[in-house]
Amino acid sequence: MSWNLRDTHTMRPNFNLMKATLTGALGGLLFGFDTVVISGIIDSVSHLYQLSDYGKGWTVAIALIGTVVGSFGAGVVGQKLGGRETLRLTAVLYVISAIGSALAWNWPSLMVFRFLGGLGIGASSVLGPVYIAELAPAKWRGRLVGAFQFNVVFGILVAYSSNYLIRLMHLGAVEWRWQVGVAAIPAFGFLVLLFGIPRSPRWSAARGRIDDALAVLKLMGEPDPESELNDIRAALAQEHASAHEAVFRWKYRYPLFLAITIGAFNQLAGINAILYYLNDIFAAAGFSQLSGDQQAIAIGFTNLIFTLVGMSVIDRLGRKTLLLIGAAGTASCLAGVSWIFSSHSHQGMLVWLLVTYIAFFALSQGAVIWVYIGEVFPNHVRSKGQGVGNASHWTMNTIIALAFPVIAGTIGRGAPFVFFAVMTAVQFFTVLFTYPETKGQTLEELQRKLVPAD
């Protein structure tokens, strides 16, 4: 072997790859920020526009409806324009949504701008990880794509911290406008950075731009760019041959069951309802606005730390094991929260129960869901299967976000948590008796186990 050949096992991602990865992952930060920033403003908006519990639910849910639409449309637009160009459109939507929400002149205008932000969230949640995966060499793909999920959780922490810091400024009636408007700063930075990264080599190869695809693979530090390009072209040919195969077929019933149920259980555990209405939950337990914001930061930090823990042990402990641990832990915590609201006592325990709940959720569902959905489908219908799981997740999210304040206001604050506790208990037994363990198995092995031969 020649002395100047580098050992690919000791190579690290180069500057160009890290720049493209961090730029693509910045969409995840905006995703996380926009998703939960509503928790800090929903009370002010409700008072300003005199919203009922039903109107409050719609104020939260309208962005999620946009997310569902954006996630469904992202694939089609991304295929035509390319992931990079479509991410630029999502950045523009983020900027418009942030500025428009801050300047909203009435409730309908706020709803329109939140819907536009939801479109950006949905599209970036699909295209950000795909863009990174298509750029990254196989050796680094899992960890680099994980940067997107990390940024989503980091964005949640940033949103809670931003709400708290702006609250300290005592801006009065315009406080909530600053809380939503500040997102325009990272959104504009995201847009600018997207003009400094290359197109996906896979998109270029699909359009016959072979030289462009090869140049990007070399730029990203691919150890054997010619071989990788040949693999991309072979995969494209295979996908073209099976492009019209539907995922809703009887032979895919087991992967479909797994994708739909894990997407639904992710939301039936109550995670996003808690994140969206966190300040309301603390207020109902007697916490002040500033105190509630401080507790939210603690919860956001816990979410970040235990997401990292889950990502670090997922290949050692396994997906099914983490889901079982998480379901048992979250069910116990949710039962405790429902007892606090039902008995109107021990409110000081609320913070600790929610922090523990977040820890259990982050290291289980938070770390597993998208990995698991991506593993249980055969390659030629994987993107369609992921779309099904994504739709199950966001649809259930929308329903719960809309229903939470109505149920809490009419039946009682403890009622939604009783429901979430029961659903996580159901999840435990569903996972225990029906979910396969996928760790340590190739995608081909899983395909033979989960999909019967024709």
Protein backbone atom coordinates (compact mmCIF):
# COMPACT_ATOMS: atom_id res chain seq x y z
CA MET A 1 0.00 0.00 0.00
CA SER A 2 1.27 3.44 -0.90
CA TRP A 3 2.43 5.55 2.03
CA ASN A 4 0.20 8.48 1.11
CA LEU A 5 -3.10 6.59 1.21
CA ARG A 6 -5.17 7.51 4.24
CA ASP A 7 -6.90 4.92 6.37
CA THR A 8 -10.60 5.61 5.82
CA HIS A 9 -11.41 4.21 9.26
CA THR A 10 -9.53 7.10 10.91
CA MET A 11 -10.95 9.80 8.64
CA ARG A 12 -13.30 12.35 10.11
CA PRO A 13 -15.98 14.43 8.37
CA ASN A 14 -14.33 17.27 6.46
CA PHE A 15 -15.25 20.95 6.66
CA ASN A 16 -17.55 20.88 3.61
CA LEU A 17 -19.53 17.93 4.96
CA MET A 18 -19.87 19.45 8.42
CA LYS A 19 -20.94 22.81 6.95
CA ALA A 20 -23.64 21.17 4.82
CA THR A 21 -24.78 18.96 7.71
CA LEU A 22 -25.03 21.80 10.23
CA THR A 23 -26.85 23.96 7.68
CA GLY A 24 -29.40 21.23 6.95
CA ALA A 25 -29.76 20.52 10.67
CA LEU A 26 -30.47 24.20 11.39
CA GLY A 27 -33.91 23.53 9.95
CA GLY A 28 -34.36 21.14 12.89
CA LEU A 29 -33.60 23.92 15.36
CA LEU A 30 -36.25 26.14 13.75
CA PHE A 31 -38.60 23.15 13.73
CA GLY A 32 -38.16 22.68 17.49
CA PHE A 33 -38.36 26.41 18.23
CA ASP A 34 -41.52 27.04 16.21
CA THR A 35 -43.18 23.92 17.60
CA VAL A 36 -43.13 24.96 21.26
CA VAL A 37 -42.72 28.75 21.31
CA ILE A 38 -46.54 28.85 21.37
CA SER A 39 -46.44 27.62 25.00
CA GLY A 40 -45.14 31.01 26.13
CA ILE A 41 -47.63 33.15 24.21
CA ILE A 42 -50.88 31.19 24.20
CA ASP A 43 -52.15 32.79 27.43
CA SER A 44 -51.47 36.34 26.19
CA VAL A 45 -53.00 35.65 22.80
CA SER A 46 -56.07 34.07 24.41
CA HIS A 47 -56.65 37.16 26.53
CA LEU A 48 -55.97 39.58 23.68
CA TYR A 49 -58.39 37.91 21.26
CA GLN A 50 -60.77 36.61 23.96
CA LEU A 51 -60.42 33.01 22.84
CA SER A 52 -62.43 30.12 24.22
CA ASP A 53 -60.76 26.79 25.04
CA TYR A 54 -61.78 25.70 21.55
CA GLY A 55 -60.15 28.80 20.00
CA LYS A 56 -57.03 28.25 22.09
CA GLY A 57 -56.81 24.68 20.76
CA TRP A 58 -57.13 25.89 17.18
CA THR A 59 -54.39 28.47 17.71
CA VAL A 60 -52.01 25.65 18.57
CA ALA A 61 -53.38 23.09 16.10
CA ILE A 62 -53.36 25.30 12.98
CA ALA A 63 -49.57 25.09 12.76
CA LEU A 64 -49.82 21.29 13.05
CA ILE A 65 -52.31 21.18 10.19
CA GLY A 66 -49.75 23.12 8.15
CA THR A 67 -47.14 20.58 9.24
CA VAL A 68 -49.21 17.67 7.93
CA VAL A 69 -49.72 19.45 4.59
CA GLY A 70 -46.04 20.42 4.41
CA SER A 71 -44.79 16.92 5.17
CA PHE A 72 -47.02 15.40 2.48
CA GLY A 73 -46.08 17.98 -0.16
CA ALA A 74 -42.36 18.10 0.62
CA GLY A 75 -41.49 14.88 -1.18
CA VAL A 76 -43.11 15.92 -4.46
CA VAL A 77 -41.61 19.43 -4.43
CA GLY A 78 -38.24 18.07 -3.27
CA GLN A 79 -38.07 15.63 -6.15
CA LYS A 80 -38.75 18.38 -8.69
CA LEU A 81 -36.65 21.23 -7.30
CA GLY A 82 -34.13 19.32 -5.18
CA GLY A 83 -33.77 19.17 -1.40
CA ARG A 84 -31.56 22.26 -1.16
CA GLU A 85 -33.93 24.48 -3.14
CA THR A 86 -36.97 23.22 -1.24
CA LEU A 87 -35.22 23.87 2.07
CA ARG A 88 -34.72 27.45 0.89
CA LEU A 89 -38.49 27.71 0.45
CA THR A 90 -38.99 26.40 3.99
CA ALA A 91 -36.56 29.06 5.28
CA VAL A 92 -38.60 31.76 3.52
CA LEU A 93 -41.77 30.35 5.13
CA TYR A 94 -40.08 30.45 8.56
CA VAL A 95 -39.10 34.11 8.07
CA ILE A 96 -42.57 35.12 6.85
CA SER A 97 -44.25 33.19 9.67
CA ALA A 98 -42.08 34.73 12.41
CA ILE A 99 -42.41 38.32 11.20
CA GLY A 100 -46.08 37.94 10.25
CA SER A 101 -47.03 36.38 13.60
CA ALA A 102 -45.23 39.18 15.44
CA LEU A 103 -47.14 41.81 13.43
CA ALA A 104 -50.49 39.98 13.38
CA TRP A 105 -53.35 42.51 13.44
CA ASN A 106 -56.06 40.04 14.47
CA TRP A 107 -56.59 36.38 15.31
CA PRO A 108 -57.27 35.20 11.71
CA SER A 109 -54.02 36.81 10.49
CA LEU A 110 -52.10 35.09 13.30
CA MET A 111 -53.66 31.78 12.24
CA VAL A 112 -52.57 32.30 8.62
CA PHE A 113 -48.97 33.02 9.58
CA ARG A 114 -48.85 30.07 11.99
CA PHE A 115 -50.16 27.83 9.21
CA LEU A 116 -47.34 29.04 6.92
CA GLY A 117 -44.84 28.25 9.67
CA GLY A 118 -46.36 24.79 9.93
CA LEU A 119 -45.79 24.24 6.21
CA GLY A 120 -42.11 25.02 6.80
CA ILE A 121 -41.91 22.68 9.80
CA GLY A 122 -43.49 19.80 7.89
CA ALA A 123 -41.32 20.21 4.82
CA SER A 124 -38.05 20.62 6.75
CA SER A 125 -38.84 17.61 8.98
CA VAL A 126 -38.90 15.46 5.83
CA LEU A 127 -36.23 17.09 3.68
CA GLY A 128 -33.60 18.06 6.28
CA PRO A 129 -32.71 14.50 7.33
CA VAL A 130 -32.97 13.26 3.72
CA TYR A 131 -30.60 15.96 2.44
CA ILE A 132 -28.02 15.13 5.13
CA ALA A 133 -28.35 11.37 4.50
CA GLU A 134 -27.80 11.82 0.76
CA LEU A 135 -24.62 13.85 1.33
CA ALA A 136 -23.00 11.85 4.13
CA PRO A 137 -20.65 8.90 3.53
CA ALA A 138 -22.10 5.64 4.92
CA LYS A 139 -19.55 5.59 7.78
CA TRP A 140 -20.96 8.84 9.21
CA ARG A 141 -24.55 8.77 8.00
CA GLY A 142 -26.28 7.69 11.22
CA ARG A 143 -24.52 10.21 13.45
CA LEU A 144 -24.81 13.09 10.99
CA VAL A 145 -28.53 12.52 10.37
CA GLY A 146 -28.88 12.38 14.17
CA ALA A 147 -27.73 16.02 14.20
CA PHE A 148 -31.17 17.00 12.84
CA GLN A 149 -33.03 15.29 15.71
CA PHE A 150 -30.58 16.78 18.20
CA ASN A 151 -31.27 20.25 16.80
CA VAL A 152 -35.04 19.73 17.09
CA VAL A 153 -34.64 19.07 20.80
CA PHE A 154 -32.10 21.89 21.13
CA GLY A 155 -34.58 24.23 19.40
CA ILE A 156 -37.19 23.35 22.03
CA LEU A 157 -34.74 24.33 24.78
CA VAL A 158 -33.87 27.56 22.93
CA ALA A 159 -37.57 28.45 22.63
CA TYR A 160 -38.22 27.96 26.35
CA SER A 161 -35.08 29.95 27.24
CA SER A 162 -36.00 32.72 24.79
CA ASN A 163 -39.51 32.99 26.25
CA TYR A 164 -38.02 33.34 29.73
CA LEU A 165 -35.40 35.95 28.78
CA ILE A 166 -37.94 38.08 26.90
CA ARG A 167 -40.31 37.82 29.87
CA LEU A 168 -37.56 39.31 32.05
CA MET A 169 -37.56 42.41 29.81
CA HIS A 170 -41.13 43.29 30.93
CA LEU A 171 -42.27 44.44 27.48
CA GLY A 172 -45.93 44.46 28.40
CA ALA A 173 -48.53 44.06 25.65
CA VAL A 174 -45.94 43.46 22.92
CA GLU A 175 -44.08 40.77 24.86
CA TRP A 176 -45.69 37.85 23.02
CA ARG A 177 -44.92 39.50 19.66
CA TRP A 178 -41.22 39.53 20.48
CA GLN A 179 -41.38 35.93 21.64
CA VAL A 180 -42.62 34.72 18.25
CA GLY A 181 -40.81 37.34 16.15
CA VAL A 182 -37.31 36.55 17.41
CA ALA A 183 -37.38 33.33 15.37
CA ALA A 184 -36.89 35.47 12.23
CA ILE A 185 -33.21 35.90 13.15
CA PRO A 186 -32.13 32.22 12.93
CA ALA A 187 -34.58 31.70 10.05
CA PHE A 188 -32.87 34.40 8.00
CA GLY A 189 -29.47 32.92 8.91
CA PHE A 190 -30.72 29.52 7.75
CA LEU A 191 -31.77 31.02 4.40
CA VAL A 192 -28.39 32.70 3.87
CA LEU A 193 -26.42 29.54 4.75
CA LEU A 194 -28.48 27.46 2.30
CA PHE A 195 -26.87 29.43 -0.55
CA GLY A 196 -23.45 28.10 0.46
CA ILE A 197 -24.06 24.34 0.25
CA PRO A 198 -24.24 21.98 -2.76
CA ARG A 199 -27.10 20.06 -4.30
CA SER A 200 -27.61 16.47 -3.26
CA PRO A 201 -25.50 14.10 -5.44
CA ARG A 202 -28.47 11.75 -5.59
CA TRP A 203 -30.71 14.47 -7.07
CA SER A 204 -28.01 15.40 -9.61
CA ALA A 205 -27.54 11.76 -10.60
CA ALA A 206 -31.30 11.32 -11.02
CA ARG A 207 -31.24 14.24 -13.49
CA GLY A 208 -28.30 12.82 -15.43
CA ARG A 209 -25.83 15.37 -14.06
CA ILE A 210 -23.20 12.74 -13.36
CA ASP A 211 -20.20 15.08 -13.26
CA ASP A 212 -21.96 17.33 -10.73
CA ALA A 213 -22.86 14.34 -8.54
CA LEU A 214 -19.28 13.02 -8.62
CA ALA A 215 -17.86 16.46 -7.77
CA VAL A 216 -20.13 16.75 -4.69
CA LEU A 217 -19.21 13.25 -3.50
CA LYS A 218 -15.53 14.21 -3.69
CA LEU A 219 -16.24 17.52 -1.95
CA MET A 220 -17.96 15.69 0.92
CA GLY A 221 -14.93 13.43 1.47
CA GLU A 222 -16.46 10.20 0.17
CA PRO A 223 -13.59 7.62 0.35
CA ASP A 224 -14.53 6.01 -2.99
CA PRO A 225 -16.71 8.51 -4.89
CA GLU A 226 -16.84 6.54 -8.17
CA SER A 227 -18.08 3.39 -6.39
CA GLU A 228 -20.61 5.39 -4.38
CA LEU A 229 -21.89 7.04 -7.56
CA ASN A 230 -22.34 3.62 -9.17
CA ASP A 231 -24.32 2.49 -6.11
CA ILE A 232 -26.52 5.60 -6.31
CA ARG A 233 -27.24 5.00 -9.99
CA ALA A 234 -28.04 1.32 -9.35
CA ALA A 235 -30.39 2.26 -6.50
CA LEU A 236 -32.10 4.86 -8.69
CA ALA A 237 -32.63 2.26 -11.40
CA GLN A 238 -34.16 -0.15 -8.86
CA GLU A 239 -36.42 2.55 -7.45
CA HIS A 240 -37.54 3.51 -10.95
CA ALA A 241 -38.49 -0.10 -11.65
CA SER A 242 -40.63 -0.29 -8.47
CA ALA A 243 -41.73 3.34 -8.27
CA HIS A 244 -45.40 2.54 -8.74
CA GLU A 245 -45.66 -0.16 -6.07
CA ALA A 246 -48.18 0.84 -3.41
CA VAL A 247 -47.31 0.52 0.26
CA PHE A 248 -50.91 -0.25 1.26
CA ARG A 249 -50.76 -3.91 0.30
CA TRP A 250 -51.65 -6.94 2.40
CA LYS A 251 -48.05 -8.20 2.44
CA TYR A 252 -46.94 -4.95 4.14
CA ARG A 253 -49.58 -5.23 6.87
CA TYR A 254 -47.05 -5.86 9.67
CA PRO A 255 -44.68 -2.95 8.84
CA LEU A 256 -47.74 -0.70 8.37
CA PHE A 257 -49.09 -1.75 11.77
CA LEU A 258 -45.74 -0.98 13.38
CA ALA A 259 -45.35 2.42 11.67
CA ILE A 260 -48.92 3.58 12.35
CA THR A 261 -48.99 2.45 15.97
CA ILE A 262 -45.57 3.82 16.94
CA GLY A 263 -46.46 7.15 15.30
CA ALA A 264 -49.78 7.28 17.15
CA PHE A 265 -48.41 6.11 20.52
CA ASN A 266 -45.74 8.79 20.29
CA GLN A 267 -48.50 11.40 20.62
CA LEU A 268 -50.90 9.39 22.78
CA ALA A 269 -48.20 9.58 25.44
CA GLY A 270 -49.06 13.30 25.61
CA ILE A 271 -45.59 14.64 24.81
CA ASN A 272 -46.50 17.49 22.49
CA ALA A 273 -49.65 18.44 24.37
CA ILE A 274 -47.43 18.90 27.43
CA LEU A 275 -44.79 20.84 25.49
CA TYR A 276 -47.38 23.10 23.79
CA TYR A 277 -49.38 23.86 26.95
CA LEU A 278 -46.56 23.67 29.50
CA ASN A 279 -47.06 27.20 30.84
CA ASP A 280 -50.81 26.61 31.14
CA ILE A 281 -50.16 23.37 33.04
CA PHE A 282 -47.85 25.11 35.50
CA ALA A 283 -50.26 28.05 35.86
CA ALA A 284 -53.07 25.64 36.74
CA ALA A 285 -50.84 24.21 39.48
CA GLY A 286 -50.23 27.68 40.93
CA PHE A 287 -46.93 28.69 39.32
CA SER A 288 -46.36 32.28 38.14
CA GLN A 289 -45.47 33.05 34.50
CA LEU A 290 -41.77 33.56 35.26
CA SER A 291 -41.63 30.50 37.47
CA GLY A 292 -43.38 28.46 34.78
CA ASP A 293 -40.84 29.64 32.21
CA GLN A 294 -38.00 28.57 34.50
CA GLN A 295 -39.50 25.11 34.94
CA ALA A 296 -39.94 24.87 31.16
CA ILE A 297 -36.21 25.48 30.70
CA ALA A 298 -35.47 22.63 33.12
CA ILE A 299 -37.76 20.36 31.13
CA GLY A 300 -36.21 21.43 27.81
CA PHE A 301 -32.71 20.76 29.18
CA THR A 302 -33.78 17.32 30.43
CA ASN A 303 -35.24 16.57 27.01
CA LEU A 304 -31.93 17.46 25.37
CA ILE A 305 -29.75 15.40 27.74
CA PHE A 306 -31.86 12.25 27.66
CA THR A 307 -32.30 12.39 23.89
CA LEU A 308 -28.49 12.14 23.73
CA VAL A 309 -28.60 9.27 26.23
CA GLY A 310 -31.18 7.43 24.12
CA MET A 311 -29.19 7.94 20.92
CA SER A 312 -26.04 6.63 22.60
CA VAL A 313 -27.60 3.38 23.89
CA ILE A 314 -30.12 2.57 21.16
CA ASP A 315 -27.78 0.14 19.40
CA ARG A 316 -26.72 -1.55 22.65
CA LEU A 317 -30.00 -1.90 24.55
CA GLY A 318 -32.21 -2.16 21.46
CA ARG A 319 -35.29 -0.35 20.22
CA LYS A 320 -37.89 -2.59 21.87
CA THR A 321 -36.15 -2.49 25.27
CA LEU A 322 -36.04 1.32 25.23
CA LEU A 323 -39.72 1.53 24.25
CA LEU A 324 -40.70 -0.77 27.14
CA ILE A 325 -38.62 1.18 29.66
CA GLY A 326 -40.06 4.46 28.39
CA ALA A 327 -43.69 3.29 28.41
CA ALA A 328 -43.46 2.01 31.99
CA GLY A 329 -41.77 5.19 33.21
CA THR A 330 -44.03 7.66 31.41
CA ALA A 331 -47.20 5.82 32.49
CA SER A 332 -46.15 6.07 36.14
CA CYS A 333 -45.30 9.78 35.87
CA LEU A 334 -48.53 10.62 34.04
CA ALA A 335 -50.56 8.82 36.69
CA GLY A 336 -48.80 10.96 39.29
CA VAL A 337 -49.58 14.20 37.41
CA SER A 338 -53.26 13.25 37.09
CA TRP A 339 -53.37 12.56 40.85
CA ILE A 340 -51.91 16.02 41.63
CA PHE A 341 -54.59 17.77 39.58
CA SER A 342 -57.40 15.55 40.86
CA SER A 343 -56.44 15.88 44.53
CA HIS A 344 -55.27 19.53 44.32
CA SER A 345 -52.32 18.67 46.53
CA HIS A 346 -48.53 18.28 46.35
CA GLN A 347 -48.27 20.76 43.45
CA GLY A 348 -44.56 21.10 44.16
CA MET A 349 -44.09 17.55 42.88
CA LEU A 350 -45.43 18.52 39.45
CA VAL A 351 -42.08 19.79 38.18
CA TRP A 352 -40.24 16.64 39.24
CA LEU A 353 -42.86 14.33 37.75
CA LEU A 354 -42.79 16.17 34.41
CA VAL A 355 -38.97 16.26 34.35
CA THR A 356 -38.88 12.50 35.01
CA TYR A 357 -41.58 11.96 32.39
CA ILE A 358 -39.56 13.89 29.80
CA ALA A 359 -36.44 11.87 30.67
CA PHE A 360 -38.25 8.55 30.12
CA PHE A 361 -39.86 9.79 26.91
CA ALA A 362 -36.69 11.27 25.40
CA LEU A 363 -34.55 8.17 25.87
CA SER A 364 -37.28 5.91 24.47
CA GLN A 365 -39.87 7.26 22.03
CA GLY A 366 -37.85 10.37 21.23
CA ALA A 367 -34.78 8.38 20.24
CA VAL A 368 -36.50 5.36 18.65
CA ILE A 369 -39.49 6.41 16.54
CA TRP A 370 -37.87 7.59 13.31
CA VAL A 371 -35.12 4.96 13.43
CA TYR A 372 -37.68 2.19 13.89
CA ILE A 373 -40.02 3.33 11.12
CA GLY A 374 -37.06 3.53 8.74
CA GLU A 375 -36.03 -0.05 9.54
CA VAL A 376 -39.27 -2.03 9.20
CA PHE A 377 -40.05 -1.30 5.52
CA PRO A 378 -38.29 -2.78 2.47
CA ASN A 379 -36.06 -0.33 0.61
CA HIS A 380 -38.29 0.20 -2.40
CA VAL A 381 -41.28 1.37 -0.30
CA ARG A 382 -39.35 2.82 2.63
CA SER A 383 -40.02 6.47 1.82
CA LYS A 384 -43.73 5.74 1.40
CA GLY A 385 -43.77 3.80 4.67
CA GLN A 386 -42.05 6.65 6.46
CA GLY A 387 -44.72 8.94 5.06
CA VAL A 388 -47.42 6.73 6.60
CA GLY A 389 -45.72 6.80 10.00
CA ASN A 390 -45.19 10.55 9.70
CA ALA A 391 -48.86 11.09 8.85
CA SER A 392 -49.98 8.97 11.82
CA HIS A 393 -47.72 10.97 14.13
CA TRP A 394 -48.73 14.46 12.96
CA THR A 395 -52.45 13.67 12.57
CA MET A 396 -52.66 12.35 16.14
CA ASN A 397 -50.60 15.35 17.28
CA THR A 398 -53.11 17.75 15.70
CA ILE A 399 -56.13 16.00 17.24
CA ILE A 400 -54.63 15.96 20.74
CA ALA A 401 -53.37 19.56 20.56
CA LEU A 402 -56.86 20.69 19.57
CA ALA A 403 -58.66 18.58 22.19
CA PHE A 404 -56.36 19.09 25.19
CA PRO A 405 -57.56 22.56 26.35
CA VAL A 406 -61.21 21.67 25.68
CA ILE A 407 -61.06 18.46 27.75
CA ALA A 408 -58.99 20.10 30.49
CA GLY A 409 -61.45 23.01 30.65
CA THR A 410 -64.66 20.96 30.67
CA ILE A 411 -63.80 17.72 32.50
CA GLY A 412 -60.82 18.82 34.59
CA ARG A 413 -57.07 19.33 34.38
CA GLY A 414 -56.35 15.77 35.45
CA ALA A 415 -58.52 14.13 32.77
CA PRO A 416 -56.07 14.36 29.83
CA PHE A 417 -53.29 12.90 31.99
CA VAL A 418 -55.45 9.92 32.99
CA PHE A 419 -56.01 9.28 29.28
CA PHE A 420 -52.29 9.61 28.47
CA ALA A 421 -51.37 7.26 31.33
CA VAL A 422 -53.81 4.61 30.09
CA MET A 423 -52.53 4.95 26.52
CA THR A 424 -48.89 4.51 27.57
CA ALA A 425 -49.91 1.40 29.52
CA VAL A 426 -51.59 0.08 26.37
CA GLN A 427 -48.41 0.93 24.47
CA PHE A 428 -46.31 -1.12 26.91
CA PHE A 429 -48.28 -4.30 26.26
CA THR A 430 -48.59 -3.65 22.53
CA VAL A 431 -44.80 -3.31 22.24
CA LEU A 432 -44.19 -6.29 24.55
CA PHE A 433 -46.37 -8.70 22.58
CA THR A 434 -46.25 -7.46 18.98
CA TYR A 435 -43.10 -5.40 18.28
CA PRO A 436 -39.96 -7.14 16.97
CA GLU A 437 -36.47 -6.13 18.09
CA THR A 438 -34.54 -4.71 15.11
CA LYS A 439 -31.11 -4.00 16.59
CA GLY A 440 -28.12 -5.75 15.07
CA GLN A 441 -30.02 -6.94 11.98
CA THR A 442 -29.51 -5.86 8.39
CA LEU A 443 -32.39 -4.29 6.51
CA GLU A 444 -32.48 -7.35 4.25
CA GLU A 445 -32.84 -9.70 7.25
CA LEU A 446 -35.66 -7.58 8.64
CA GLN A 447 -37.40 -7.58 5.27
CA ARG A 448 -37.41 -11.40 5.20
CA LYS A 449 -38.83 -11.53 8.74
CA LEU A 450 -41.46 -8.80 8.47
CA VAL A 451 -42.68 -9.11 4.86
CA PRO A 452 -43.89 -12.48 3.56
CA ALA A 453 -42.63 -13.51 0.12
CA ASP A 454 -45.04 -13.12 -2.80
